[in-house]
């Protein structure tokens, strides 16, 4: 495929000067612990061709896409297949540049590698000005700059939230990562990949039944590929049965595959009763067999994940306020954010 051929070509000419990668059309499947770059739909193939063209240029890259669509993975793939792949890949937040010495510390860390700026429109104006100066500073060890955003950057510039001079410097190449709803035909490929990766033992990974696959295709996936990954992890561990049934998929996704239903008694029941109802159905799905071991930890995770995400959203991503709201230590909150794979930026929640 395109990216594997690209990698082989880079190995053969590692000592040569940088050249653009030849344009081609194929599937990218990065073997990483992050979101996989898998897709055969036209929109993904177009994205891969653009990625291949910019890999070995020094152009800054601006990557736009909805939360959970895989923006950071695209940035990392560009770095990993470029001539800078042996150099550091550093993700910078506004906290890294909050004081006058911040830029020099960041440049010392990146050492001519790739500097990825996460959610650029959320950076304060003062720090955006520091980024402009960093990009303008000459030097042999100047890094390649990349930035991601899920915001409408034209609107951000009009509202004064994003400096125009910074935007123009970063947009040497602009990539748009499609939402999962715009690449529906890739869902079965992605689902199979996630199920295989979540397989806990030597047995064959679980497979989607035809009806379960149809439910996945109809679901809107507001959290994009990241949400699909979490769903497949849960389904992989939900039963030892070889096939994932439509009932399992409906239970997990809340049967939200069609128009919103009329409010029923279940919508207003107490939390404990709702949990009891879902747990009982979970046991019923296994028939005469018990669910796999580790049920307690799985259920706690299912409750903790939305609780922390909603609390973070309610406190605009302020972890101190979120910890106080939840009644837990801030360090405990940070650990749970890491363990549950929750991504947060100041002022907004990312999934």
C-alpha atoms as a PDB file:
ATOM      1  CA  UNK A   1       0.000   0.000   0.000  1.00  0.00           C
ATOM      2  CA  UNK A   2       0.963   3.636  -0.346  1.00  0.00           C
ATOM      3  CA  UNK A   3       2.425   4.299   3.082  1.00  0.00           C
ATOM      4  CA  UNK A   4       4.332   1.016   3.283  1.00  0.00           C
ATOM      5  CA  UNK A   5       5.871   1.676  -0.121  1.00  0.00           C
ATOM      6  CA  UNK A   6       6.674   5.176   1.051  1.00  0.00           C
ATOM      7  CA  UNK A   7       8.436   3.821   4.141  1.00  0.00           C
ATOM      8  CA  UNK A   8      10.525   1.399   2.067  1.00  0.00           C
ATOM      9  CA  UNK A   9      11.530   4.173  -0.284  1.00  0.00           C
ATOM     10  CA  UNK A  10      12.565   6.347   2.639  1.00  0.00           C
ATOM     11  CA  UNK A  11      14.749   3.584   4.053  1.00  0.00           C
ATOM     12  CA  UNK A  12      16.530   3.234   0.710  1.00  0.00           C
ATOM     13  CA  UNK A  13      17.304   6.918   0.407  1.00  0.00           C
ATOM     14  CA  UNK A  14      17.717   7.955   4.021  1.00  0.00           C
ATOM     15  CA  UNK A  15      21.019   9.675   3.256  1.00  0.00           C
ATOM     16  CA  UNK A  16      19.749  11.534   0.206  1.00  0.00           C
ATOM     17  CA  UNK A  17      18.219  14.977   0.084  1.00  0.00           C
ATOM     18  CA  UNK A  18      14.525  15.314   0.707  1.00  0.00           C
ATOM     19  CA  UNK A  19      12.210  14.702  -2.234  1.00  0.00           C
ATOM     20  CA  UNK A  20       8.410  14.671  -2.467  1.00  0.00           C
ATOM     21  CA  UNK A  21       6.744  11.273  -2.291  1.00  0.00           C
ATOM     22  CA  UNK A  22       5.169  10.130  -5.529  1.00  0.00           C
ATOM     23  CA  UNK A  23       1.410  10.484  -5.725  1.00  0.00           C
ATOM     24  CA  UNK A  24      -0.538   7.237  -5.601  1.00  0.00           C
ATOM     25  CA  UNK A  25      -3.804   5.795  -4.340  1.00  0.00           C
ATOM     26  CA  UNK A  26      -3.886   3.152  -1.649  1.00  0.00           C
ATOM     27  CA  UNK A  27      -4.866   2.398   1.916  1.00  0.00           C
ATOM     28  CA  UNK A  28      -2.871   3.537   4.916  1.00  0.00           C
ATOM     29  CA  UNK A  29      -2.842   1.184   7.881  1.00  0.00           C
ATOM     30  CA  UNK A  30      -0.454   2.448  10.538  1.00  0.00           C
ATOM     31  CA  UNK A  31       0.423  -0.191  13.148  1.00  0.00           C
ATOM     32  CA  UNK A  32       0.123   2.097  16.153  1.00  0.00           C
ATOM     33  CA  UNK A  33      -1.691   2.135  19.463  1.00  0.00           C
ATOM     34  CA  UNK A  34      -3.589   5.205  18.303  1.00  0.00           C
ATOM     35  CA  UNK A  35      -6.440   5.481  15.841  1.00  0.00           C
ATOM     36  CA  UNK A  36      -5.641   3.482  12.691  1.00  0.00           C
ATOM     37  CA  UNK A  37      -5.396   5.191   9.324  1.00  0.00           C
ATOM     38  CA  UNK A  38      -7.660   2.744   7.549  1.00  0.00           C
ATOM     39  CA  UNK A  39     -10.002   3.646   4.753  1.00  0.00           C
ATOM     40  CA  UNK A  40     -10.917   2.839   1.181  1.00  0.00           C
ATOM     41  CA  UNK A  41     -13.567   5.494   0.689  1.00  0.00           C
ATOM     42  CA  UNK A  42     -12.862   8.238  -1.878  1.00  0.00           C
ATOM     43  CA  UNK A  43     -12.550  10.941   0.790  1.00  0.00           C
ATOM     44  CA  UNK A  44      -9.890   8.965   2.650  1.00  0.00           C
ATOM     45  CA  UNK A  45      -8.017   8.091  -0.524  1.00  0.00           C
ATOM     46  CA  UNK A  46      -7.925  11.788  -1.424  1.00  0.00           C
ATOM     47  CA  UNK A  47      -6.565  12.547   2.048  1.00  0.00           C
ATOM     48  CA  UNK A  48      -3.858   9.886   1.715  1.00  0.00           C
ATOM     49  CA  UNK A  49      -2.738  11.317  -1.624  1.00  0.00           C
ATOM     50  CA  UNK A  50      -2.390  14.762  -0.087  1.00  0.00           C
ATOM     51  CA  UNK A  51      -0.513  13.343   2.905  1.00  0.00           C
ATOM     52  CA  UNK A  52       1.896  11.563   0.557  1.00  0.00           C
ATOM     53  CA  UNK A  53       2.605  14.808  -1.283  1.00  0.00           C
ATOM     54  CA  UNK A  54       3.467  16.799   1.843  1.00  0.00           C
ATOM     55  CA  UNK A  55       5.382  14.156   3.824  1.00  0.00           C
ATOM     56  CA  UNK A  56       8.880  15.182   2.826  1.00  0.00           C
ATOM     57  CA  UNK A  57       8.378  18.877   2.345  1.00  0.00           C
ATOM     58  CA  UNK A  58       9.138  21.377   5.080  1.00  0.00           C
ATOM     59  CA  UNK A  59       5.762  23.058   4.702  1.00  0.00           C
ATOM     60  CA  UNK A  60       3.824  23.713   7.907  1.00  0.00           C
ATOM     61  CA  UNK A  61       0.655  21.620   7.999  1.00  0.00           C
ATOM     62  CA  UNK A  62      -2.728  22.645   9.388  1.00  0.00           C
ATOM     63  CA  UNK A  63      -5.055  19.714  10.074  1.00  0.00           C
ATOM     64  CA  UNK A  64      -8.760  20.361  10.578  1.00  0.00           C
ATOM     65  CA  UNK A  65     -11.422  17.883  11.625  1.00  0.00           C
ATOM     66  CA  UNK A  66     -14.080  17.086  14.176  1.00  0.00           C
ATOM     67  CA  UNK A  67     -13.190  15.763  17.599  1.00  0.00           C
ATOM     68  CA  UNK A  68     -12.209  12.095  17.479  1.00  0.00           C
ATOM     69  CA  UNK A  69     -11.656  12.023  13.710  1.00  0.00           C
ATOM     70  CA  UNK A  70      -7.912  11.330  13.936  1.00  0.00           C
ATOM     71  CA  UNK A  71      -6.183  14.689  13.434  1.00  0.00           C
ATOM     72  CA  UNK A  72      -3.276  13.909  15.750  1.00  0.00           C
ATOM     73  CA  UNK A  73      -2.772  10.556  14.050  1.00  0.00           C
ATOM     74  CA  UNK A  74      -2.440  12.253  10.668  1.00  0.00           C
ATOM     75  CA  UNK A  75       0.196  14.587  12.107  1.00  0.00           C
ATOM     76  CA  UNK A  76       2.072  11.691  13.663  1.00  0.00           C
ATOM     77  CA  UNK A  77       1.936   9.648  10.453  1.00  0.00           C
ATOM     78  CA  UNK A  78       3.383  12.548   8.449  1.00  0.00           C
ATOM     79  CA  UNK A  79       6.253  12.744  10.937  1.00  0.00           C
ATOM     80  CA  UNK A  80       6.827   8.982  11.118  1.00  0.00           C
ATOM     81  CA  UNK A  81       7.085   8.589   7.344  1.00  0.00           C
ATOM     82  CA  UNK A  82       9.194  11.708   6.799  1.00  0.00           C
ATOM     83  CA  UNK A  83      12.951  12.249   6.855  1.00  0.00           C
ATOM     84  CA  UNK A  84      12.474  13.668  10.372  1.00  0.00           C
ATOM     85  CA  UNK A  85      11.173  10.356  11.725  1.00  0.00           C
ATOM     86  CA  UNK A  86      14.340   9.753  13.799  1.00  0.00           C
ATOM     87  CA  UNK A  87      13.896  13.154  15.485  1.00  0.00           C
ATOM     88  CA  UNK A  88      11.431  14.011  18.280  1.00  0.00           C
ATOM     89  CA  UNK A  89       7.726  14.529  17.730  1.00  0.00           C
ATOM     90  CA  UNK A  90       6.570  16.991  20.382  1.00  0.00           C
ATOM     91  CA  UNK A  91       2.987  18.054  21.066  1.00  0.00           C
ATOM     92  CA  UNK A  92       2.785  21.505  22.618  1.00  0.00           C
ATOM     93  CA  UNK A  93      -0.037  23.053  24.632  1.00  0.00           C
ATOM     94  CA  UNK A  94      -0.474  26.643  25.727  1.00  0.00           C
ATOM     95  CA  UNK A  95       0.885  25.711  29.167  1.00  0.00           C
ATOM     96  CA  UNK A  96       4.234  24.808  27.566  1.00  0.00           C
ATOM     97  CA  UNK A  97       4.568  28.365  26.253  1.00  0.00           C
ATOM     98  CA  UNK A  98       3.015  30.257  29.141  1.00  0.00           C
ATOM     99  CA  UNK A  99       6.234  31.934  30.320  1.00  0.00           C
ATOM    100  CA  UNK A 100       9.002  33.775  28.512  1.00  0.00           C
ATOM    101  CA  UNK A 101      11.347  30.761  28.583  1.00  0.00           C
ATOM    102  CA  UNK A 102       8.704  28.404  27.219  1.00  0.00           C
ATOM    103  CA  UNK A 103       9.652  28.668  23.511  1.00  0.00           C
ATOM    104  CA  UNK A 104      13.338  27.954  24.147  1.00  0.00           C
ATOM    105  CA  UNK A 105      12.479  24.912  26.288  1.00  0.00           C
ATOM    106  CA  UNK A 106      10.147  23.567  23.608  1.00  0.00           C
ATOM    107  CA  UNK A 107      12.712  24.077  20.831  1.00  0.00           C
ATOM    108  CA  UNK A 108      15.321  22.297  22.943  1.00  0.00           C
ATOM    109  CA  UNK A 109      12.968  19.322  23.267  1.00  0.00           C
ATOM    110  CA  UNK A 110      12.000  19.093  19.605  1.00  0.00           C
ATOM    111  CA  UNK A 111      15.603  19.411  18.293  1.00  0.00           C
ATOM    112  CA  UNK A 112      14.652  19.914  14.662  1.00  0.00           C
ATOM    113  CA  UNK A 113      11.892  17.309  14.663  1.00  0.00           C
ATOM    114  CA  UNK A 114       8.189  18.033  14.406  1.00  0.00           C
ATOM    115  CA  UNK A 115       6.297  20.436  16.669  1.00  0.00           C
ATOM    116  CA  UNK A 116       2.573  19.743  16.799  1.00  0.00           C
ATOM    117  CA  UNK A 117       0.317  22.484  18.205  1.00  0.00           C
ATOM    118  CA  UNK A 118      -2.904  20.980  19.536  1.00  0.00           C
ATOM    119  CA  UNK A 119      -6.109  23.023  19.064  1.00  0.00           C
ATOM    120  CA  UNK A 120      -4.409  26.204  17.930  1.00  0.00           C
ATOM    121  CA  UNK A 121      -7.541  28.377  18.125  1.00  0.00           C
ATOM    122  CA  UNK A 122      -7.735  27.776  21.886  1.00  0.00           C
ATOM    123  CA  UNK A 123      -4.330  29.367  22.542  1.00  0.00           C
ATOM    124  CA  UNK A 124      -4.322  32.836  24.160  1.00  0.00           C
ATOM    125  CA  UNK A 125      -3.273  35.723  21.914  1.00  0.00           C
ATOM    126  CA  UNK A 126      -0.016  36.287  23.807  1.00  0.00           C
ATOM    127  CA  UNK A 127       1.052  32.695  23.253  1.00  0.00           C
ATOM    128  CA  UNK A 128      -0.001  32.847  19.604  1.00  0.00           C
ATOM    129  CA  UNK A 129       2.386  35.796  19.229  1.00  0.00           C
ATOM    130  CA  UNK A 130       5.190  33.674  20.696  1.00  0.00           C
ATOM    131  CA  UNK A 131       4.440  30.967  18.156  1.00  0.00           C
ATOM    132  CA  UNK A 132       4.725  33.505  15.339  1.00  0.00           C
ATOM    133  CA  UNK A 133       8.163  34.514  16.605  1.00  0.00           C
ATOM    134  CA  UNK A 134       9.177  30.855  16.930  1.00  0.00           C
ATOM    135  CA  UNK A 135       8.193  30.175  13.332  1.00  0.00           C
ATOM    136  CA  UNK A 136      10.081  33.236  12.111  1.00  0.00           C
ATOM    137  CA  UNK A 137      13.278  32.422  14.013  1.00  0.00           C
ATOM    138  CA  UNK A 138      16.009  31.115  11.672  1.00  0.00           C
ATOM    139  CA  UNK A 139      18.217  28.175  12.552  1.00  0.00           C
ATOM    140  CA  UNK A 140      19.541  24.869  11.291  1.00  0.00           C
ATOM    141  CA  UNK A 141      17.517  22.972  13.909  1.00  0.00           C
ATOM    142  CA  UNK A 142      14.214  24.662  13.109  1.00  0.00           C
ATOM    143  CA  UNK A 143      11.372  22.150  13.547  1.00  0.00           C
ATOM    144  CA  UNK A 144       8.543  21.423  11.198  1.00  0.00           C
ATOM    145  CA  UNK A 145       5.349  23.001  12.506  1.00  0.00           C
ATOM    146  CA  UNK A 146       1.955  21.320  12.444  1.00  0.00           C
ATOM    147  CA  UNK A 147      -1.291  22.367  14.095  1.00  0.00           C
ATOM    148  CA  UNK A 148      -4.714  20.838  14.638  1.00  0.00           C
ATOM    149  CA  UNK A 149      -8.113  22.393  15.169  1.00  0.00           C
ATOM    150  CA  UNK A 150     -11.734  21.348  15.385  1.00  0.00           C
ATOM    151  CA  UNK A 151     -12.900  24.966  15.202  1.00  0.00           C
ATOM    152  CA  UNK A 152     -14.028  27.021  12.223  1.00  0.00           C
ATOM    153  CA  UNK A 153     -10.760  28.921  11.793  1.00  0.00           C
ATOM    154  CA  UNK A 154     -12.231  31.563   9.478  1.00  0.00           C
ATOM    155  CA  UNK A 155     -14.756  32.390  12.183  1.00  0.00           C
ATOM    156  CA  UNK A 156     -12.008  32.290  14.820  1.00  0.00           C
ATOM    157  CA  UNK A 157     -10.022  34.888  12.879  1.00  0.00           C
ATOM    158  CA  UNK A 158     -13.080  37.078  12.394  1.00  0.00           C
ATOM    159  CA  UNK A 159     -13.819  36.872  16.119  1.00  0.00           C
ATOM    160  CA  UNK A 160     -10.230  37.779  16.978  1.00  0.00           C
ATOM    161  CA  UNK A 161      -9.519  34.415  18.605  1.00  0.00           C
ATOM    162  CA  UNK A 162      -6.881  33.399  16.066  1.00  0.00           C
ATOM    163  CA  UNK A 163      -4.131  35.656  14.753  1.00  0.00           C
ATOM    164  CA  UNK A 164      -4.199  35.924  10.983  1.00  0.00           C
ATOM    165  CA  UNK A 165      -0.409  36.028  10.744  1.00  0.00           C
ATOM    166  CA  UNK A 166      -0.195  32.749  12.673  1.00  0.00           C
ATOM    167  CA  UNK A 167      -2.874  31.140  10.515  1.00  0.00           C
ATOM    168  CA  UNK A 168      -1.094  32.103   7.296  1.00  0.00           C
ATOM    169  CA  UNK A 169       2.205  30.740   8.601  1.00  0.00           C
ATOM    170  CA  UNK A 170       0.659  27.423   9.629  1.00  0.00           C
ATOM    171  CA  UNK A 171      -1.444  26.817   6.528  1.00  0.00           C
ATOM    172  CA  UNK A 172       1.350  25.909   4.133  1.00  0.00           C
ATOM    173  CA  UNK A 173      -0.647  22.733   3.541  1.00  0.00           C
ATOM    174  CA  UNK A 174      -4.180  22.289   4.846  1.00  0.00           C
ATOM    175  CA  UNK A 175      -5.684  18.856   5.428  1.00  0.00           C
ATOM    176  CA  UNK A 176      -9.297  18.104   6.304  1.00  0.00           C
ATOM    177  CA  UNK A 177      -9.965  14.834   8.121  1.00  0.00           C
ATOM    178  CA  UNK A 178     -13.479  13.622   7.254  1.00  0.00           C
ATOM    179  CA  UNK A 179     -16.018  12.788   9.927  1.00  0.00           C
ATOM    180  CA  UNK A 180     -16.928   9.108  10.246  1.00  0.00           C
ATOM    181  CA  UNK A 181     -20.445   9.819   8.961  1.00  0.00           C
ATOM    182  CA  UNK A 182     -18.810  10.979   5.699  1.00  0.00           C
ATOM    183  CA  UNK A 183     -16.939   7.684   5.289  1.00  0.00           C
ATOM    184  CA  UNK A 184     -19.583   5.184   6.371  1.00  0.00           C
ATOM    185  CA  UNK A 185     -18.254   2.432   4.120  1.00  0.00           C
ATOM    186  CA  UNK A 186     -15.041   2.396   6.182  1.00  0.00           C
ATOM    187  CA  UNK A 187     -16.906   1.461   9.380  1.00  0.00           C
ATOM    188  CA  UNK A 188     -16.724  -2.346   8.842  1.00  0.00           C
ATOM    189  CA  UNK A 189     -12.967  -2.144   8.175  1.00  0.00           C
ATOM    190  CA  UNK A 190     -12.392  -0.024  11.252  1.00  0.00           C
ATOM    191  CA  UNK A 191     -14.669  -2.169  13.415  1.00  0.00           C
ATOM    192  CA  UNK A 192     -12.834  -5.369  12.441  1.00  0.00           C
ATOM    193  CA  UNK A 193      -9.492  -3.699  13.163  1.00  0.00           C
ATOM    194  CA  UNK A 194     -10.589  -2.567  16.619  1.00  0.00           C
ATOM    195  CA  UNK A 195     -12.133  -5.940  17.470  1.00  0.00           C
ATOM    196  CA  UNK A 196      -8.926  -7.720  16.499  1.00  0.00           C
ATOM    197  CA  UNK A 197      -6.801  -5.320  18.533  1.00  0.00           C
ATOM    198  CA  UNK A 198      -9.047  -5.687  21.583  1.00  0.00           C
ATOM    199  CA  UNK A 199      -8.944  -9.483  21.443  1.00  0.00           C
ATOM    200  CA  UNK A 200      -7.605 -10.446  24.902  1.00  0.00           C
ATOM    201  CA  UNK A 201      -6.343 -13.948  24.103  1.00  0.00           C
ATOM    202  CA  UNK A 202      -5.275 -16.408  21.431  1.00  0.00           C
ATOM    203  CA  UNK A 203      -8.836 -17.090  20.323  1.00  0.00           C
ATOM    204  CA  UNK A 204     -10.159 -15.536  17.135  1.00  0.00           C
ATOM    205  CA  UNK A 205     -11.580 -12.029  17.624  1.00  0.00           C
ATOM    206  CA  UNK A 206     -15.323 -11.561  17.725  1.00  0.00           C
ATOM    207  CA  UNK A 207     -17.065 -10.709  14.460  1.00  0.00           C
ATOM    208  CA  UNK A 208     -20.065  -8.526  13.763  1.00  0.00           C
ATOM    209  CA  UNK A 209     -23.218 -10.231  12.596  1.00  0.00           C
ATOM    210  CA  UNK A 210     -24.763  -8.738   9.456  1.00  0.00           C
ATOM    211  CA  UNK A 211     -27.528  -7.122  11.498  1.00  0.00           C
ATOM    212  CA  UNK A 212     -25.063  -5.714  14.039  1.00  0.00           C
ATOM    213  CA  UNK A 213     -23.000  -4.262  11.191  1.00  0.00           C
ATOM    214  CA  UNK A 214     -26.102  -2.564   9.805  1.00  0.00           C
ATOM    215  CA  UNK A 215     -26.749  -0.961  13.188  1.00  0.00           C
ATOM    216  CA  UNK A 216     -23.209   0.421  13.216  1.00  0.00           C
ATOM    217  CA  UNK A 217     -23.650   1.792   9.697  1.00  0.00           C
ATOM    218  CA  UNK A 218     -26.828   3.647  10.688  1.00  0.00           C
ATOM    219  CA  UNK A 219     -25.449   5.127  13.912  1.00  0.00           C
ATOM    220  CA  UNK A 220     -24.438   8.839  13.600  1.00  0.00           C
ATOM    221  CA  UNK A 221     -21.102   8.481  15.493  1.00  0.00           C
ATOM    222  CA  UNK A 222     -20.835  12.033  16.879  1.00  0.00           C
ATOM    223  CA  UNK A 223     -17.530  11.036  18.510  1.00  0.00           C
ATOM    224  CA  UNK A 224     -16.208   9.750  15.178  1.00  0.00           C
ATOM    225  CA  UNK A 225     -13.505   7.058  14.994  1.00  0.00           C
ATOM    226  CA  UNK A 226     -12.582   7.432  18.663  1.00  0.00           C
ATOM    227  CA  UNK A 227     -16.151   6.623  19.682  1.00  0.00           C
ATOM    228  CA  UNK A 228     -16.211   3.616  17.354  1.00  0.00           C
ATOM    229  CA  UNK A 229     -12.968   2.373  18.900  1.00  0.00           C
ATOM    230  CA  UNK A 230     -14.398   2.557  22.426  1.00  0.00           C
ATOM    231  CA  UNK A 231     -17.568   0.784  21.292  1.00  0.00           C
ATOM    232  CA  UNK A 232     -15.642  -2.072  19.680  1.00  0.00           C
ATOM    233  CA  UNK A 233     -13.469  -2.508  22.774  1.00  0.00           C
ATOM    234  CA  UNK A 234     -16.580  -2.953  24.862  1.00  0.00           C
ATOM    235  CA  UNK A 235     -18.198  -5.366  22.419  1.00  0.00           C
ATOM    236  CA  UNK A 236     -14.987  -7.393  22.176  1.00  0.00           C
ATOM    237  CA  UNK A 237     -15.079  -8.051  25.909  1.00  0.00           C
ATOM    238  CA  UNK A 238     -18.844  -8.258  26.392  1.00  0.00           C
ATOM    239  CA  UNK A 239     -19.143 -11.957  25.618  1.00  0.00           C
ATOM    240  CA  UNK A 240     -17.184 -15.055  24.649  1.00  0.00           C
ATOM    241  CA  UNK A 241     -19.610 -15.740  21.821  1.00  0.00           C
ATOM    242  CA  UNK A 242     -17.939 -15.588  18.413  1.00  0.00           C
ATOM    243  CA  UNK A 243     -20.545 -13.313  16.858  1.00  0.00           C
ATOM    244  CA  UNK A 244     -21.704  -9.889  18.023  1.00  0.00           C
ATOM    245  CA  UNK A 245     -25.476  -9.799  17.835  1.00  0.00           C
ATOM    246  CA  UNK A 246     -27.742  -6.935  16.898  1.00  0.00           C
ATOM    247  CA  UNK A 247     -29.051  -6.894  20.482  1.00  0.00           C
ATOM    248  CA  UNK A 248     -25.554  -6.288  21.843  1.00  0.00           C
ATOM    249  CA  UNK A 249     -24.951  -3.452  19.396  1.00  0.00           C
ATOM    250  CA  UNK A 250     -28.319  -1.872  20.186  1.00  0.00           C
ATOM    251  CA  UNK A 251     -27.709  -2.141  23.917  1.00  0.00           C
ATOM    252  CA  UNK A 252     -24.321  -0.493  23.648  1.00  0.00           C
ATOM    253  CA  UNK A 253     -25.365   2.298  21.313  1.00  0.00           C
ATOM    254  CA  UNK A 254     -28.631   2.973  23.076  1.00  0.00           C
ATOM    255  CA  UNK A 255     -30.659   2.017  19.997  1.00  0.00           C
ATOM    256  CA  UNK A 256     -30.037   5.538  18.649  1.00  0.00           C
ATOM    257  CA  UNK A 257     -30.107   4.426  15.013  1.00  0.00           C
ATOM    258  CA  UNK A 258     -33.287   6.222  14.059  1.00  0.00           C
ATOM    259  CA  UNK A 259     -35.438   9.190  15.076  1.00  0.00           C
ATOM    260  CA  UNK A 260     -35.451  10.051  18.763  1.00  0.00           C
ATOM    261  CA  UNK A 261     -38.123   7.987  20.542  1.00  0.00           C
ATOM    262  CA  UNK A 262     -40.950   9.395  22.604  1.00  0.00           C
ATOM    263  CA  UNK A 263     -40.078   9.836  26.265  1.00  0.00           C
ATOM    264  CA  UNK A 264     -41.025   6.802  28.318  1.00  0.00           C
ATOM    265  CA  UNK A 265     -40.913   5.860  31.959  1.00  0.00           C
ATOM    266  CA  UNK A 266     -37.362   4.591  31.405  1.00  0.00           C
ATOM    267  CA  UNK A 267     -36.246   8.129  30.528  1.00  0.00           C
ATOM    268  CA  UNK A 268     -37.197   9.428  33.963  1.00  0.00           C
ATOM    269  CA  UNK A 269     -36.285   6.459  36.143  1.00  0.00           C
ATOM    270  CA  UNK A 270     -33.653   6.782  38.853  1.00  0.00           C
ATOM    271  CA  UNK A 271     -30.046   6.042  37.946  1.00  0.00           C
ATOM    272  CA  UNK A 272     -29.862   2.893  40.066  1.00  0.00           C
ATOM    273  CA  UNK A 273     -32.900   1.397  38.364  1.00  0.00           C
ATOM    274  CA  UNK A 274     -31.498   2.218  34.939  1.00  0.00           C
ATOM    275  CA  UNK A 275     -28.163   0.588  35.768  1.00  0.00           C
ATOM    276  CA  UNK A 276     -29.951  -2.468  37.155  1.00  0.00           C
ATOM    277  CA  UNK A 277     -32.031  -2.788  33.990  1.00  0.00           C
ATOM    278  CA  UNK A 278     -28.987  -2.574  31.705  1.00  0.00           C
ATOM    279  CA  UNK A 279     -27.000  -5.004  33.840  1.00  0.00           C
ATOM    280  CA  UNK A 280     -29.813  -7.526  33.843  1.00  0.00           C
ATOM    281  CA  UNK A 281     -30.070  -7.338  30.067  1.00  0.00           C
ATOM    282  CA  UNK A 282     -26.296  -7.730  29.849  1.00  0.00           C
ATOM    283  CA  UNK A 283     -26.521 -10.971  31.840  1.00  0.00           C
ATOM    284  CA  UNK A 284     -29.518 -12.096  29.793  1.00  0.00           C
ATOM    285  CA  UNK A 285     -27.495 -11.726  26.597  1.00  0.00           C
ATOM    286  CA  UNK A 286     -25.143 -14.439  27.847  1.00  0.00           C
ATOM    287  CA  UNK A 287     -27.958 -16.918  28.396  1.00  0.00           C
ATOM    288  CA  UNK A 288     -26.792 -19.753  30.634  1.00  0.00           C
ATOM    289  CA  UNK A 289     -23.165 -18.555  30.524  1.00  0.00           C
ATOM    290  CA  UNK A 290     -21.628 -16.007  32.847  1.00  0.00           C
ATOM    291  CA  UNK A 291     -20.093 -12.810  31.429  1.00  0.00           C
ATOM    292  CA  UNK A 292     -16.282 -12.785  31.125  1.00  0.00           C
ATOM    293  CA  UNK A 293     -14.321 -12.142  34.355  1.00  0.00           C
ATOM    294  CA  UNK A 294     -13.624  -8.522  35.250  1.00  0.00           C
ATOM    295  CA  UNK A 295     -17.240  -7.382  35.203  1.00  0.00           C
ATOM    296  CA  UNK A 296     -16.802  -5.021  38.169  1.00  0.00           C
ATOM    297  CA  UNK A 297     -13.991  -3.042  36.528  1.00  0.00           C
ATOM    298  CA  UNK A 298     -15.812  -2.905  33.179  1.00  0.00           C
ATOM    299  CA  UNK A 299     -19.006  -1.554  34.708  1.00  0.00           C
ATOM    300  CA  UNK A 300     -17.121   1.024  36.773  1.00  0.00           C
ATOM    301  CA  UNK A 301     -15.373   2.198  33.613  1.00  0.00           C
ATOM    302  CA  UNK A 302     -18.702   2.477  31.799  1.00  0.00           C
ATOM    303  CA  UNK A 303     -20.026   4.744  34.554  1.00  0.00           C
ATOM    304  CA  UNK A 304     -16.838   6.734  35.171  1.00  0.00           C
ATOM    305  CA  UNK A 305     -16.163   7.601  31.541  1.00  0.00           C
ATOM    306  CA  UNK A 306     -19.367   9.565  30.798  1.00  0.00           C
ATOM    307  CA  UNK A 307     -19.443  11.011  34.321  1.00  0.00           C
ATOM    308  CA  UNK A 308     -15.965  12.517  33.994  1.00  0.00           C
ATOM    309  CA  UNK A 309     -16.551  13.658  30.407  1.00  0.00           C
ATOM    310  CA  UNK A 310     -19.779  15.423  31.369  1.00  0.00           C
ATOM    311  CA  UNK A 311     -18.162  16.964  34.460  1.00  0.00           C
ATOM    312  CA  UNK A 312     -15.246  18.236  32.350  1.00  0.00           C
ATOM    313  CA  UNK A 313     -17.663  19.703  29.826  1.00  0.00           C
ATOM    314  CA  UNK A 314     -19.641  21.389  32.615  1.00  0.00           C
ATOM    315  CA  UNK A 315     -16.465  22.963  34.035  1.00  0.00           C
ATOM    316  CA  UNK A 316     -15.104  23.990  30.600  1.00  0.00           C
ATOM    317  CA  UNK A 317     -12.165  21.620  30.947  1.00  0.00           C
ATOM    318  CA  UNK A 318     -10.954  23.139  34.229  1.00  0.00           C
ATOM    319  CA  UNK A 319      -9.561  20.090  36.016  1.00  0.00           C
ATOM    320  CA  UNK A 320      -9.406  21.762  39.432  1.00  0.00           C
ATOM    321  CA  UNK A 321     -13.109  22.642  39.252  1.00  0.00           C
ATOM    322  CA  UNK A 322     -13.938  19.221  37.837  1.00  0.00           C
ATOM    323  CA  UNK A 323     -12.115  17.450  40.681  1.00  0.00           C
ATOM    324  CA  UNK A 324     -13.955  19.586  43.235  1.00  0.00           C
ATOM    325  CA  UNK A 325     -17.278  18.867  41.529  1.00  0.00           C
ATOM    326  CA  UNK A 326     -16.610  15.125  41.611  1.00  0.00           C
ATOM    327  CA  UNK A 327     -15.241  15.243  45.155  1.00  0.00           C
ATOM    328  CA  UNK A 328     -11.929  13.616  44.273  1.00  0.00           C
ATOM    329  CA  UNK A 329      -8.279  14.638  44.417  1.00  0.00           C
ATOM    330  CA  UNK A 330      -6.970  16.468  41.344  1.00  0.00           C
ATOM    331  CA  UNK A 331      -4.191  13.894  40.906  1.00  0.00           C
ATOM    332  CA  UNK A 332      -6.817  11.153  41.009  1.00  0.00           C
ATOM    333  CA  UNK A 333      -8.759  12.961  38.289  1.00  0.00           C
ATOM    334  CA  UNK A 334      -5.652  13.259  36.125  1.00  0.00           C
ATOM    335  CA  UNK A 335      -4.969   9.538  36.492  1.00  0.00           C
ATOM    336  CA  UNK A 336      -8.540   8.670  35.553  1.00  0.00           C
ATOM    337  CA  UNK A 337      -8.371  10.975  32.511  1.00  0.00           C
ATOM    338  CA  UNK A 338      -5.253   9.100  31.401  1.00  0.00           C
ATOM    339  CA  UNK A 339      -6.596   5.630  32.207  1.00  0.00           C
ATOM    340  CA  UNK A 340      -9.926   6.284  30.486  1.00  0.00           C
ATOM    341  CA  UNK A 341      -8.241   7.890  27.466  1.00  0.00           C
ATOM    342  CA  UNK A 342     -10.142  11.170  27.824  1.00  0.00           C
ATOM    343  CA  UNK A 343      -8.618  14.053  25.870  1.00  0.00           C
ATOM    344  CA  UNK A 344      -9.184  17.551  27.221  1.00  0.00           C
ATOM    345  CA  UNK A 345      -8.278  21.060  26.132  1.00  0.00           C
ATOM    346  CA  UNK A 346      -8.936  24.287  27.968  1.00  0.00           C
ATOM    347  CA  UNK A 347     -12.414  25.591  27.418  1.00  0.00           C
ATOM    348  CA  UNK A 348     -13.712  22.521  25.569  1.00  0.00           C
ATOM    349  CA  UNK A 349     -13.981  18.782  25.746  1.00  0.00           C
ATOM    350  CA  UNK A 350     -12.457  16.480  23.148  1.00  0.00           C
ATOM    351  CA  UNK A 351     -13.461  12.879  22.526  1.00  0.00           C
END
